[in-house]
């Protein structure tokens, strides 16, 4: 379970090192946003439109395996 500034979010029953790393990162992000709410700014319409032009038609399956080497 992740408890943050904006609520509580359950995690899957299975936990792994990735979940611990994600939970730590989200906690850091939550504390930073709470301490400095003026920092996360919305993106401009122009940037949104550019992103949409680049990836708007892509179909993504989050359950599909990633091909090739992946470094995190």
C-alpha atoms as a PDB file:
ATOM      1  CA  UNK A   1       0.000   0.000   0.000  1.00  0.00           C
ATOM      2  CA  UNK A   2       1.227   3.461  -0.830  1.00  0.00           C
ATOM      3  CA  UNK A   3       0.015   6.233   1.440  1.00  0.00           C
ATOM      4  CA  UNK A   4       0.533   9.630  -0.084  1.00  0.00           C
ATOM      5  CA  UNK A   5      -0.548  13.230   0.131  1.00  0.00           C
ATOM      6  CA  UNK A   6      -3.437  12.599  -2.245  1.00  0.00           C
ATOM      7  CA  UNK A   7      -4.665   9.293  -0.861  1.00  0.00           C
ATOM      8  CA  UNK A   8      -3.946   5.633  -0.261  1.00  0.00           C
ATOM      9  CA  UNK A   9      -3.218   3.302  -3.139  1.00  0.00           C
ATOM     10  CA  UNK A  10      -3.152  -0.498  -2.760  1.00  0.00           C
ATOM     11  CA  UNK A  11      -0.354  -2.481  -4.383  1.00  0.00           C
ATOM     12  CA  UNK A  12      -0.723  -6.036  -5.665  1.00  0.00           C
ATOM     13  CA  UNK A  13      -0.466  -8.807  -3.090  1.00  0.00           C
ATOM     14  CA  UNK A  14       2.855  -9.825  -4.633  1.00  0.00           C
ATOM     15  CA  UNK A  15       5.671  -7.514  -3.628  1.00  0.00           C
ATOM     16  CA  UNK A  16       9.122  -7.426  -5.121  1.00  0.00           C
ATOM     17  CA  UNK A  17      12.217  -5.260  -5.011  1.00  0.00           C
ATOM     18  CA  UNK A  18      10.695  -3.257  -7.866  1.00  0.00           C
ATOM     19  CA  UNK A  19       7.649  -2.497  -5.715  1.00  0.00           C
ATOM     20  CA  UNK A  20       9.887  -1.290  -2.881  1.00  0.00           C
ATOM     21  CA  UNK A  21      11.820   0.947  -5.276  1.00  0.00           C
ATOM     22  CA  UNK A  22       8.605   2.280  -6.790  1.00  0.00           C
ATOM     23  CA  UNK A  23       7.103   2.901  -3.356  1.00  0.00           C
ATOM     24  CA  UNK A  24      10.225   4.794  -2.276  1.00  0.00           C
ATOM     25  CA  UNK A  25      10.207   6.904  -5.429  1.00  0.00           C
ATOM     26  CA  UNK A  26       6.505   7.716  -5.136  1.00  0.00           C
ATOM     27  CA  UNK A  27       6.989   8.656  -1.472  1.00  0.00           C
ATOM     28  CA  UNK A  28       9.815  11.005  -2.451  1.00  0.00           C
ATOM     29  CA  UNK A  29       7.692  12.512  -5.211  1.00  0.00           C
ATOM     30  CA  UNK A  30       4.725  12.895  -2.853  1.00  0.00           C
ATOM     31  CA  UNK A  31       6.813  14.693  -0.210  1.00  0.00           C
ATOM     32  CA  UNK A  32       8.357  16.988  -2.822  1.00  0.00           C
ATOM     33  CA  UNK A  33       4.966  17.952  -4.282  1.00  0.00           C
ATOM     34  CA  UNK A  34       3.552  18.537  -0.782  1.00  0.00           C
ATOM     35  CA  UNK A  35       6.537  20.719   0.173  1.00  0.00           C
ATOM     36  CA  UNK A  36       6.618  22.676  -3.100  1.00  0.00           C
ATOM     37  CA  UNK A  37       3.161  22.587  -4.728  1.00  0.00           C
ATOM     38  CA  UNK A  38       4.109  25.392  -7.109  1.00  0.00           C
ATOM     39  CA  UNK A  39       6.810  23.327  -8.846  1.00  0.00           C
ATOM     40  CA  UNK A  40       4.844  20.743 -10.869  1.00  0.00           C
ATOM     41  CA  UNK A  41       3.549  22.916 -13.667  1.00  0.00           C
ATOM     42  CA  UNK A  42       1.181  21.843 -16.397  1.00  0.00           C
ATOM     43  CA  UNK A  43       2.693  21.404 -19.839  1.00  0.00           C
ATOM     44  CA  UNK A  44       1.862  23.928 -22.521  1.00  0.00           C
ATOM     45  CA  UNK A  45      -0.726  23.225 -25.212  1.00  0.00           C
ATOM     46  CA  UNK A  46       2.053  23.402 -27.800  1.00  0.00           C
ATOM     47  CA  UNK A  47       4.099  20.714 -26.027  1.00  0.00           C
ATOM     48  CA  UNK A  48       1.023  18.546 -25.560  1.00  0.00           C
ATOM     49  CA  UNK A  49       0.201  18.851 -29.267  1.00  0.00           C
ATOM     50  CA  UNK A  50       3.790  17.946 -30.195  1.00  0.00           C
ATOM     51  CA  UNK A  51       3.718  14.875 -27.964  1.00  0.00           C
ATOM     52  CA  UNK A  52       0.342  13.901 -29.394  1.00  0.00           C
ATOM     53  CA  UNK A  53       1.721  14.233 -32.941  1.00  0.00           C
ATOM     54  CA  UNK A  54       4.652  11.958 -32.057  1.00  0.00           C
ATOM     55  CA  UNK A  55       2.890   9.201 -30.106  1.00  0.00           C
ATOM     56  CA  UNK A  56      -0.858   9.865 -30.329  1.00  0.00           C
ATOM     57  CA  UNK A  57      -1.571   6.963 -32.663  1.00  0.00           C
ATOM     58  CA  UNK A  58       0.517   4.404 -30.801  1.00  0.00           C
ATOM     59  CA  UNK A  59      -1.186   1.453 -29.178  1.00  0.00           C
ATOM     60  CA  UNK A  60       0.541   0.312 -25.992  1.00  0.00           C
ATOM     61  CA  UNK A  61      -0.039  -2.947 -24.163  1.00  0.00           C
ATOM     62  CA  UNK A  62       1.537  -2.625 -20.677  1.00  0.00           C
ATOM     63  CA  UNK A  63       1.468  -6.421 -20.327  1.00  0.00           C
ATOM     64  CA  UNK A  64       3.478  -7.027 -23.500  1.00  0.00           C
ATOM     65  CA  UNK A  65       7.081  -8.097 -22.872  1.00  0.00           C
ATOM     66  CA  UNK A  66       9.798  -5.581 -23.709  1.00  0.00           C
ATOM     67  CA  UNK A  67      12.078  -6.723 -26.511  1.00  0.00           C
ATOM     68  CA  UNK A  68      15.831  -6.249 -26.305  1.00  0.00           C
ATOM     69  CA  UNK A  69      18.071  -5.206 -23.448  1.00  0.00           C
ATOM     70  CA  UNK A  70      16.537  -2.987 -20.803  1.00  0.00           C
ATOM     71  CA  UNK A  71      18.572  -1.052 -18.257  1.00  0.00           C
ATOM     72  CA  UNK A  72      16.934   0.609 -15.320  1.00  0.00           C
END
